Amino acid sequence: MVMVRLTDDDIRFFVREGYLVKRGVLDPDLMARGRERMWCNLPPPLKRENPETWIGPFPEPVDDGSSHRHQYMWKYRQPGDEEWMVRLLATDPSVMGMAEQMLGEGKLVVPDRIRGIYCVLPEGDAPPRPMGCHVDAHPFHLGVVGYIDDVDPGGGGFTVWPGSHRIFYRDFTRRYVFDKTPEYLAHKDEVSGMPPMDCHGKAGDIVFWHHRMGHSVGHNRTGRIRQAVLYDYKRADLDENAPPGDDMWADWPGVRALHLS
């Protein structure tokens, strides 16, 4: 496959908005393998040949570390450490190459697993629900979501609140740890009232997002199961005790180089 790279305008967009969509990046054969793996391991009551069974929510939550189910969400984590699954997303030359463009070549923790295949069930005729954002709690620099099947508008796509990374960045006493200040909850309500961006796309599209980005899983108002793979890049020298500081891009050399050029 042709290597996909970030342009200067891509990086500027990411700095301003906190996310970036790149189209047609992932390997088609590995995506097909991921889809088949998902379909062959559907949890009850889902049945591949009966789309009516795909409509959520799940009858009851299942707190299974390898196959977590709750409401409309199925986090199929079991295959996340398999070599081909890591190649599908985290070590894909284009995906990792673009992450290194921003965070520094040779500076990232070597990926040994991804989160897994995260699925969102259709909501059927259920009334629409309000949607709010959150910020992830674990330490990392750059998240990436990859679609292994098409995700139509309103189909449960990764949803972001553009620019919210600049709001939430100072709502924590440390740069990469979830030790929130009182301002976080107020900003969370404020940002949730702003217009979100539904990052829908085709199989092979990816979404990069900043670790302090306000985001959510979208509500799935279509008839198909949303299928995505996720990974979180972090530099090997990530300092969990570092304060936010004045420069939120201090350890993003590719971003700083563009700013200083």
C-alpha atoms as a PDB file:
ATOM      1  CA  MET A   1       0.000   0.000   0.000  1.00  0.00           C
ATOM      2  CA  VAL A   2       1.041   3.610  -0.574  1.00  0.00           C
ATOM      3  CA  MET A   3       2.401   5.308   2.537  1.00  0.00           C
ATOM      4  CA  VAL A   4       0.112   8.027   3.862  1.00  0.00           C
ATOM      5  CA  ARG A   5       1.797  11.034   5.462  1.00  0.00           C
ATOM      6  CA  LEU A   6       0.675  14.159   7.264  1.00  0.00           C
ATOM      7  CA  THR A   7       0.866  17.467   5.466  1.00  0.00           C
ATOM      8  CA  ASP A   8       1.689  20.708   7.248  1.00  0.00           C
ATOM      9  CA  ASP A   9      -1.972  21.661   6.924  1.00  0.00           C
ATOM     10  CA  ASP A  10      -2.962  18.350   8.560  1.00  0.00           C
ATOM     11  CA  ILE A  11      -0.800  19.149  11.572  1.00  0.00           C
ATOM     12  CA  ARG A  12      -2.109  22.703  11.785  1.00  0.00           C
ATOM     13  CA  PHE A  13      -5.682  21.359  11.700  1.00  0.00           C
ATOM     14  CA  PHE A  14      -4.873  18.859  14.457  1.00  0.00           C
ATOM     15  CA  VAL A  15      -3.329  21.576  16.628  1.00  0.00           C
ATOM     16  CA  ARG A  16      -6.376  23.812  16.209  1.00  0.00           C
ATOM     17  CA  GLU A  17      -9.194  21.252  16.322  1.00  0.00           C
ATOM     18  CA  GLY A  18      -7.677  18.398  18.364  1.00  0.00           C
ATOM     19  CA  TYR A  19      -8.527  15.660  15.864  1.00  0.00           C
ATOM     20  CA  LEU A  20      -7.763  14.666  12.281  1.00  0.00           C
ATOM     21  CA  VAL A  21      -9.401  12.238   9.845  1.00  0.00           C
ATOM     22  CA  LYS A  22      -7.251  10.462   7.239  1.00  0.00           C
ATOM     23  CA  ARG A  23      -8.977   8.416   4.547  1.00  0.00           C
ATOM     24  CA  GLY A  24      -8.221   4.962   3.147  1.00  0.00           C
ATOM     25  CA  VAL A  25      -5.256   4.109   5.353  1.00  0.00           C
ATOM     26  CA  LEU A  26      -5.767   0.585   6.734  1.00  0.00           C
ATOM     27  CA  ASP A  27      -4.915  -2.704   5.005  1.00  0.00           C
ATOM     28  CA  PRO A  28      -8.024  -4.232   3.333  1.00  0.00           C
ATOM     29  CA  ASP A  29      -6.993  -7.843   4.008  1.00  0.00           C
ATOM     30  CA  LEU A  30      -6.419  -7.230   7.711  1.00  0.00           C
ATOM     31  CA  MET A  31      -9.695  -5.326   7.975  1.00  0.00           C
ATOM     32  CA  ALA A  32     -11.526  -8.275   6.392  1.00  0.00           C
ATOM     33  CA  ARG A  33      -9.853 -10.578   8.910  1.00  0.00           C
ATOM     34  CA  GLY A  34     -10.971  -8.285  11.733  1.00  0.00           C
ATOM     35  CA  ARG A  35     -14.565  -8.213  10.520  1.00  0.00           C
ATOM     36  CA  GLU A  36     -14.678 -11.997  10.226  1.00  0.00           C
ATOM     37  CA  ARG A  37     -13.198 -12.376  13.698  1.00  0.00           C
ATOM     38  CA  MET A  38     -15.898 -10.123  15.088  1.00  0.00           C
ATOM     39  CA  TRP A  39     -18.765 -11.873  13.300  1.00  0.00           C
ATOM     40  CA  CYS A  40     -17.544 -15.317  14.366  1.00  0.00           C
ATOM     41  CA  ASN A  41     -17.463 -14.310  18.035  1.00  0.00           C
ATOM     42  CA  LEU A  42     -20.732 -12.444  18.516  1.00  0.00           C
ATOM     43  CA  PRO A  43     -21.958 -12.594  22.110  1.00  0.00           C
ATOM     44  CA  PRO A  44     -25.547 -13.640  22.797  1.00  0.00           C
ATOM     45  CA  PRO A  45     -28.179 -12.683  21.817  1.00  0.00           C
ATOM     46  CA  LEU A  46     -26.538 -11.396  18.600  1.00  0.00           C
ATOM     47  CA  LYS A  47     -26.736 -13.667  15.548  1.00  0.00           C
ATOM     48  CA  ARG A  48     -24.913 -12.905  12.318  1.00  0.00           C
ATOM     49  CA  GLU A  49     -27.747 -13.997  10.023  1.00  0.00           C
ATOM     50  CA  ASN A  50     -30.461 -12.085  11.915  1.00  0.00           C
ATOM     51  CA  PRO A  51     -30.018  -8.274  11.887  1.00  0.00           C
ATOM     52  CA  GLU A  52     -32.973  -7.863  14.246  1.00  0.00           C
ATOM     53  CA  THR A  53     -30.819  -9.365  17.000  1.00  0.00           C
ATOM     54  CA  TRP A  54     -28.188  -6.650  16.521  1.00  0.00           C
ATOM     55  CA  ILE A  55     -30.452  -3.965  17.957  1.00  0.00           C
ATOM     56  CA  GLY A  56     -29.413  -3.002  21.460  1.00  0.00           C
ATOM     57  CA  PRO A  57     -29.209  -2.590  24.282  1.00  0.00           C
ATOM     58  CA  PHE A  58     -27.733  -5.796  25.640  1.00  0.00           C
ATOM     59  CA  PRO A  59     -30.171  -7.464  28.080  1.00  0.00           C
ATOM     60  CA  GLU A  60     -27.723  -7.062  30.964  1.00  0.00           C
ATOM     61  CA  PRO A  61     -24.158  -5.822  31.458  1.00  0.00           C
ATOM     62  CA  VAL A  62     -21.356  -8.379  31.268  1.00  0.00           C
ATOM     63  CA  ASP A  63     -18.134  -7.315  32.997  1.00  0.00           C
ATOM     64  CA  ASP A  64     -15.849  -9.615  31.021  1.00  0.00           C
ATOM     65  CA  GLY A  65     -12.380  -8.186  30.453  1.00  0.00           C
ATOM     66  CA  SER A  66     -12.079  -9.862  27.060  1.00  0.00           C
ATOM     67  CA  SER A  67     -15.649  -9.225  25.861  1.00  0.00           C
ATOM     68  CA  HIS A  68     -17.222  -6.392  27.841  1.00  0.00           C
ATOM     69  CA  ARG A  69     -20.863  -5.557  27.120  1.00  0.00           C
ATOM     70  CA  HIS A  70     -22.934  -2.682  28.453  1.00  0.00           C
ATOM     71  CA  GLN A  71     -25.969  -0.977  26.951  1.00  0.00           C
ATOM     72  CA  TYR A  72     -25.138  -0.507  23.235  1.00  0.00           C
ATOM     73  CA  MET A  73     -21.383  -1.046  23.557  1.00  0.00           C
ATOM     74  CA  TRP A  74     -19.421  -4.263  23.000  1.00  0.00           C
ATOM     75  CA  LYS A  75     -15.695  -4.009  23.689  1.00  0.00           C
ATOM     76  CA  TYR A  76     -14.229  -7.142  22.125  1.00  0.00           C
ATOM     77  CA  ARG A  77     -10.750  -6.943  23.652  1.00  0.00           C
ATOM     78  CA  GLN A  78      -9.725 -10.600  23.380  1.00  0.00           C
ATOM     79  CA  PRO A  79      -7.871 -10.383  20.028  1.00  0.00           C
ATOM     80  CA  GLY A  80      -6.157  -7.089  20.876  1.00  0.00           C
ATOM     81  CA  ASP A  81      -2.755  -8.646  21.581  1.00  0.00           C
ATOM     82  CA  GLU A  82      -2.611 -10.819  18.465  1.00  0.00           C
ATOM     83  CA  GLU A  83       0.198  -9.890  16.080  1.00  0.00           C
ATOM     84  CA  TRP A  84      -2.008  -9.351  13.032  1.00  0.00           C
ATOM     85  CA  MET A  85      -4.360  -7.137  15.029  1.00  0.00           C
ATOM     86  CA  VAL A  86      -1.484  -4.921  16.159  1.00  0.00           C
ATOM     87  CA  ARG A  87      -0.348  -4.690  12.511  1.00  0.00           C
ATOM     88  CA  LEU A  88      -3.867  -3.728  11.471  1.00  0.00           C
ATOM     89  CA  LEU A  89      -3.655  -0.446  13.375  1.00  0.00           C
ATOM     90  CA  ALA A  90      -0.857   0.395  15.811  1.00  0.00           C
ATOM     91  CA  THR A  91       2.161  -0.714  13.768  1.00  0.00           C
ATOM     92  CA  ASP A  92       0.672  -0.076  10.340  1.00  0.00           C
ATOM     93  CA  PRO A  93       3.507   1.851   8.642  1.00  0.00           C
ATOM     94  CA  SER A  94       1.286   4.767   7.663  1.00  0.00           C
ATOM     95  CA  VAL A  95      -0.524   5.042  10.997  1.00  0.00           C
ATOM     96  CA  MET A  96       2.576   4.751  13.166  1.00  0.00           C
ATOM     97  CA  GLY A  97       4.534   6.908  10.742  1.00  0.00           C
ATOM     98  CA  MET A  98       2.029   9.734  11.072  1.00  0.00           C
ATOM     99  CA  ALA A  99       2.076   9.412  14.863  1.00  0.00           C
ATOM    100  CA  GLU A 100       5.872   9.682  14.759  1.00  0.00           C
ATOM    101  CA  GLN A 101       5.634  12.744  12.521  1.00  0.00           C
ATOM    102  CA  MET A 102       4.023  14.528  15.451  1.00  0.00           C
ATOM    103  CA  LEU A 103       5.596  12.813  18.459  1.00  0.00           C
ATOM    104  CA  GLY A 104       9.100  12.045  17.178  1.00  0.00           C
ATOM    105  CA  GLU A 105      10.618   9.159  15.240  1.00  0.00           C
ATOM    106  CA  GLY A 106      11.753   6.329  17.528  1.00  0.00           C
ATOM    107  CA  LYS A 107      10.217   8.003  20.589  1.00  0.00           C
ATOM    108  CA  LEU A 108       7.059   5.909  20.958  1.00  0.00           C
ATOM    109  CA  VAL A 109       6.442   2.912  23.187  1.00  0.00           C
ATOM    110  CA  VAL A 110       6.555  -0.120  20.881  1.00  0.00           C
ATOM    111  CA  PRO A 111       2.949  -1.328  20.506  1.00  0.00           C
ATOM    112  CA  ASP A 112       2.305  -4.877  21.725  1.00  0.00           C
ATOM    113  CA  ARG A 113      -1.500  -4.764  21.727  1.00  0.00           C
ATOM    114  CA  ILE A 114      -4.421  -2.531  20.797  1.00  0.00           C
ATOM    115  CA  ARG A 115      -7.627  -2.012  22.731  1.00  0.00           C
ATOM    116  CA  GLY A 116      -9.484  -4.478  20.506  1.00  0.00           C
ATOM    117  CA  ILE A 117     -12.550  -4.290  18.268  1.00  0.00           C
ATOM    118  CA  TYR A 118     -15.075  -1.868  19.720  1.00  0.00           C
ATOM    119  CA  CYS A 119     -18.618  -2.278  18.433  1.00  0.00           C
ATOM    120  CA  VAL A 120     -21.704  -0.102  18.810  1.00  0.00           C
ATOM    121  CA  LEU A 121     -25.112  -1.714  18.402  1.00  0.00           C
ATOM    122  CA  PRO A 122     -27.957  -0.046  16.506  1.00  0.00           C
ATOM    123  CA  GLU A 123     -30.577   1.663  18.662  1.00  0.00           C
ATOM    124  CA  GLY A 124     -33.530   0.736  16.482  1.00  0.00           C
ATOM    125  CA  ASP A 125     -36.673   2.737  17.236  1.00  0.00           C
ATOM    126  CA  ALA A 126     -35.536   3.847  20.692  1.00  0.00           C
ATOM    127  CA  PRO A 127     -36.016   7.588  21.250  1.00  0.00           C
ATOM    128  CA  PRO A 128     -32.892   9.710  20.713  1.00  0.00           C
ATOM    129  CA  ARG A 129     -30.731  10.205  23.800  1.00  0.00           C
ATOM    130  CA  PRO A 130     -28.657  13.219  24.830  1.00  0.00           C
ATOM    131  CA  MET A 131     -24.922  12.816  24.314  1.00  0.00           C
ATOM    132  CA  GLY A 132     -22.145  14.292  26.429  1.00  0.00           C
ATOM    133  CA  CYS A 133     -18.385  14.253  26.214  1.00  0.00           C
ATOM    134  CA  HIS A 134     -15.661  12.939  28.497  1.00  0.00           C
ATOM    135  CA  VAL A 135     -11.865  12.940  28.657  1.00  0.00           C
ATOM    136  CA  ASP A 136     -10.003   9.638  29.003  1.00  0.00           C
ATOM    137  CA  ALA A 137      -8.276   8.932  32.313  1.00  0.00           C
ATOM    138  CA  HIS A 138      -5.179   6.917  31.369  1.00  0.00           C
ATOM    139  CA  PRO A 139      -1.836   8.531  30.415  1.00  0.00           C
ATOM    140  CA  PHE A 140      -1.091   8.722  26.672  1.00  0.00           C
ATOM    141  CA  HIS A 141      -0.393  11.311  23.979  1.00  0.00           C
ATOM    142  CA  LEU A 142      -2.318  10.465  20.825  1.00  0.00           C
ATOM    143  CA  GLY A 143      -5.339   8.256  20.271  1.00  0.00           C
ATOM    144  CA  VAL A 144      -6.290   6.665  16.968  1.00  0.00           C
ATOM    145  CA  VAL A 145      -9.570   5.054  15.914  1.00  0.00           C
ATOM    146  CA  GLY A 146      -9.688   2.933  12.763  1.00  0.00           C
ATOM    147  CA  TYR A 147     -12.860   1.808  11.020  1.00  0.00           C
ATOM    148  CA  ILE A 148     -12.772  -1.766   9.715  1.00  0.00           C
ATOM    149  CA  ASP A 149     -16.224  -1.419   8.136  1.00  0.00           C
ATOM    150  CA  ASP A 150     -18.147   1.534   6.744  1.00  0.00           C
ATOM    151  CA  VAL A 151     -19.658   3.878   9.336  1.00  0.00           C
ATOM    152  CA  ASP A 152     -22.487   5.996   7.956  1.00  0.00           C
ATOM    153  CA  PRO A 153     -23.476   9.382   9.409  1.00  0.00           C
ATOM    154  CA  GLY A 154     -25.313   8.721  12.648  1.00  0.00           C
ATOM    155  CA  GLY A 155     -23.851   5.218  12.682  1.00  0.00           C
ATOM    156  CA  GLY A 156     -22.007   5.272  16.001  1.00  0.00           C
ATOM    157  CA  GLY A 157     -18.885   6.957  14.692  1.00  0.00           C
ATOM    158  CA  PHE A 158     -16.217   8.374  16.968  1.00  0.00           C
ATOM    159  CA  THR A 159     -17.558  11.771  18.031  1.00  0.00           C
ATOM    160  CA  VAL A 160     -15.448  14.747  19.093  1.00  0.00           C
ATOM    161  CA  TRP A 161     -15.993  18.293  20.295  1.00  0.00           C
ATOM    162  CA  PRO A 162     -13.604  20.291  18.093  1.00  0.00           C
ATOM    163  CA  GLY A 163     -11.164  22.500  19.962  1.00  0.00           C
ATOM    164  CA  SER A 164     -12.104  21.106  23.373  1.00  0.00           C
ATOM    165  CA  HIS A 165      -8.561  19.819  23.977  1.00  0.00           C
ATOM    166  CA  ARG A 166      -7.519  23.445  24.490  1.00  0.00           C
ATOM    167  CA  ILE A 167     -10.283  23.899  27.076  1.00  0.00           C
ATOM    168  CA  PHE A 168      -9.667  20.697  29.024  1.00  0.00           C
ATOM    169  CA  TYR A 169      -5.860  20.880  28.934  1.00  0.00           C
ATOM    170  CA  ARG A 170      -5.612  23.087  32.028  1.00  0.00           C
ATOM    171  CA  ASP A 171      -8.354  21.267  33.954  1.00  0.00           C
ATOM    172  CA  PHE A 172      -5.832  18.797  35.390  1.00  0.00           C
ATOM    173  CA  THR A 173      -2.930  19.355  37.773  1.00  0.00           C
ATOM    174  CA  ARG A 174      -0.676  17.044  35.741  1.00  0.00           C
ATOM    175  CA  ARG A 175      -0.214  16.926  31.982  1.00  0.00           C
ATOM    176  CA  TYR A 176      -1.072  13.252  31.412  1.00  0.00           C
ATOM    177  CA  VAL A 177      -2.825  12.100  34.600  1.00  0.00           C
ATOM    178  CA  PHE A 178      -6.541  12.346  35.335  1.00  0.00           C
ATOM    179  CA  ASP A 179      -6.274  14.443  38.509  1.00  0.00           C
ATOM    180  CA  LYS A 180      -9.004  16.881  37.586  1.00  0.00           C
ATOM    181  CA  THR A 181      -9.557  20.331  39.042  1.00  0.00           C
ATOM    182  CA  PRO A 182     -13.011  21.724  39.926  1.00  0.00           C
ATOM    183  CA  GLU A 183     -13.075  23.437  36.542  1.00  0.00           C
ATOM    184  CA  TYR A 184     -13.242  20.100  34.718  1.00  0.00           C
ATOM    185  CA  LEU A 185     -16.879  19.316  35.525  1.00  0.00           C
ATOM    186  CA  ALA A 186     -17.999  22.839  34.658  1.00  0.00           C
ATOM    187  CA  HIS A 187     -16.151  22.690  31.348  1.00  0.00           C
ATOM    188  CA  LYS A 188     -17.486  19.183  30.688  1.00  0.00           C
ATOM    189  CA  ASP A 189     -21.048  20.504  30.883  1.00  0.00           C
ATOM    190  CA  GLU A 190     -20.125  23.556  28.825  1.00  0.00           C
ATOM    191  CA  VAL A 191     -18.419  21.576  26.069  1.00  0.00           C
ATOM    192  CA  SER A 192     -21.187  18.962  25.959  1.00  0.00           C
ATOM    193  CA  GLY A 193     -23.553  21.777  25.015  1.00  0.00           C
ATOM    194  CA  MET A 194     -21.447  22.673  21.979  1.00  0.00           C
ATOM    195  CA  PRO A 195     -21.984  21.089  18.527  1.00  0.00           C
ATOM    196  CA  PRO A 196     -20.086  17.779  18.233  1.00  0.00           C
ATOM    197  CA  MET A 197     -18.467  16.353  15.107  1.00  0.00           C
ATOM    198  CA  ASP A 198     -19.544  12.878  13.967  1.00  0.00           C
ATOM    199  CA  CYS A 199     -16.367  11.395  12.450  1.00  0.00           C
ATOM    200  CA  HIS A 200     -18.135   8.918  10.184  1.00  0.00           C
ATOM    201  CA  GLY A 201     -16.233   7.293   7.352  1.00  0.00           C
ATOM    202  CA  LYS A 202     -15.450   4.292   5.201  1.00  0.00           C
ATOM    203  CA  ALA A 203     -13.581   1.107   6.049  1.00  0.00           C
ATOM    204  CA  GLY A 204      -9.897   2.038   6.237  1.00  0.00           C
ATOM    205  CA  ASP A 205     -10.410   5.587   7.501  1.00  0.00           C
ATOM    206  CA  ILE A 206      -8.740   6.602  10.758  1.00  0.00           C
ATOM    207  CA  VAL A 207      -9.250   9.387  13.293  1.00  0.00           C
ATOM    208  CA  PHE A 208      -6.344  10.792  15.304  1.00  0.00           C
ATOM    209  CA  TRP A 209      -7.264  12.645  18.511  1.00  0.00           C
ATOM    210  CA  HIS A 210      -5.444  14.539  21.264  1.00  0.00           C
ATOM    211  CA  HIS A 211      -5.437  12.905  24.697  1.00  0.00           C
ATOM    212  CA  ARG A 212      -7.329  15.814  26.311  1.00  0.00           C
ATOM    213  CA  MET A 213     -10.005  15.851  23.617  1.00  0.00           C
ATOM    214  CA  GLY A 214     -13.629  15.815  24.706  1.00  0.00           C
ATOM    215  CA  HIS A 215     -15.130  12.834  22.911  1.00  0.00           C
ATOM    216  CA  SER A 216     -17.783  10.127  22.998  1.00  0.00           C
ATOM    217  CA  VAL A 217     -18.983   7.117  21.102  1.00  0.00           C
ATOM    218  CA  GLY A 218     -21.716   8.206  18.733  1.00  0.00           C
ATOM    219  CA  HIS A 219     -25.250   6.875  18.934  1.00  0.00           C
ATOM    220  CA  ASN A 220     -25.970   4.331  16.220  1.00  0.00           C
ATOM    221  CA  ARG A 221     -29.184   5.178  14.395  1.00  0.00           C
ATOM    222  CA  THR A 222     -28.438   2.903  11.427  1.00  0.00           C
ATOM    223  CA  GLY A 223     -29.126  -0.786  10.924  1.00  0.00           C
ATOM    224  CA  ARG A 224     -25.529  -2.044  11.052  1.00  0.00           C
ATOM    225  CA  ILE A 225     -23.056  -2.698  13.850  1.00  0.00           C
ATOM    226  CA  ARG A 226     -20.290  -0.124  14.038  1.00  0.00           C
ATOM    227  CA  GLN A 227     -16.861  -1.798  14.034  1.00  0.00           C
ATOM    228  CA  ALA A 228     -13.681   0.061  15.004  1.00  0.00           C
ATOM    229  CA  VAL A 229     -10.217  -0.693  16.352  1.00  0.00           C
ATOM    230  CA  LEU A 230      -8.488   1.634  18.816  1.00  0.00           C
ATOM    231  CA  TYR A 231      -4.974   2.344  20.060  1.00  0.00           C
ATOM    232  CA  ASP A 232      -3.289   4.980  22.221  1.00  0.00           C
ATOM    233  CA  TYR A 233       0.238   6.118  21.366  1.00  0.00           C
ATOM    234  CA  LYS A 234       2.544   7.457  24.039  1.00  0.00           C
ATOM    235  CA  ARG A 235       6.177   8.439  24.135  1.00  0.00           C
ATOM    236  CA  ALA A 236       8.499   6.191  26.110  1.00  0.00           C
ATOM    237  CA  ASP A 237       9.597   9.213  28.140  1.00  0.00           C
ATOM    238  CA  LEU A 238       6.078  10.258  29.184  1.00  0.00           C
ATOM    239  CA  ASP A 239       6.393  11.947  32.590  1.00  0.00           C
ATOM    240  CA  GLU A 240       3.286  11.308  34.671  1.00  0.00           C
ATOM    241  CA  ASN A 241       4.344  13.970  37.189  1.00  0.00           C
ATOM    242  CA  ALA A 242       4.792  16.794  34.678  1.00  0.00           C
ATOM    243  CA  PRO A 243       2.507  19.801  35.235  1.00  0.00           C
ATOM    244  CA  PRO A 244       0.486  21.128  32.295  1.00  0.00           C
ATOM    245  CA  GLY A 245       2.929  23.970  31.660  1.00  0.00           C
ATOM    246  CA  ASP A 246       2.456  26.812  29.211  1.00  0.00           C
ATOM    247  CA  ASP A 247       3.185  24.789  26.055  1.00  0.00           C
ATOM    248  CA  MET A 248       0.810  21.878  25.484  1.00  0.00           C
ATOM    249  CA  TRP A 249       2.995  20.748  22.560  1.00  0.00           C
ATOM    250  CA  ALA A 250       6.289  20.689  24.478  1.00  0.00           C
ATOM    251  CA  ASP A 251       6.881  16.972  23.818  1.00  0.00           C
ATOM    252  CA  TRP A 252       5.424  16.951  20.285  1.00  0.00           C
ATOM    253  CA  PRO A 253       8.554  17.800  18.237  1.00  0.00           C
ATOM    254  CA  GLY A 254       6.809  17.563  14.870  1.00  0.00           C
ATOM    255  CA  VAL A 255       4.249  20.106  15.989  1.00  0.00           C
ATOM    256  CA  ARG A 256       6.847  22.414  17.525  1.00  0.00           C
ATOM    257  CA  ALA A 257       8.991  22.314  14.391  1.00  0.00           C
ATOM    258  CA  LEU A 258       6.041  23.489  12.317  1.00  0.00           C
ATOM    259  CA  HIS A 259       5.242  26.253  14.792  1.00  0.00           C
ATOM    260  CA  LEU A 260       8.836  27.474  14.778  1.00  0.00           C
ATOM    261  CA  SER A 261       9.387  27.264  11.006  1.00  0.00           C
END
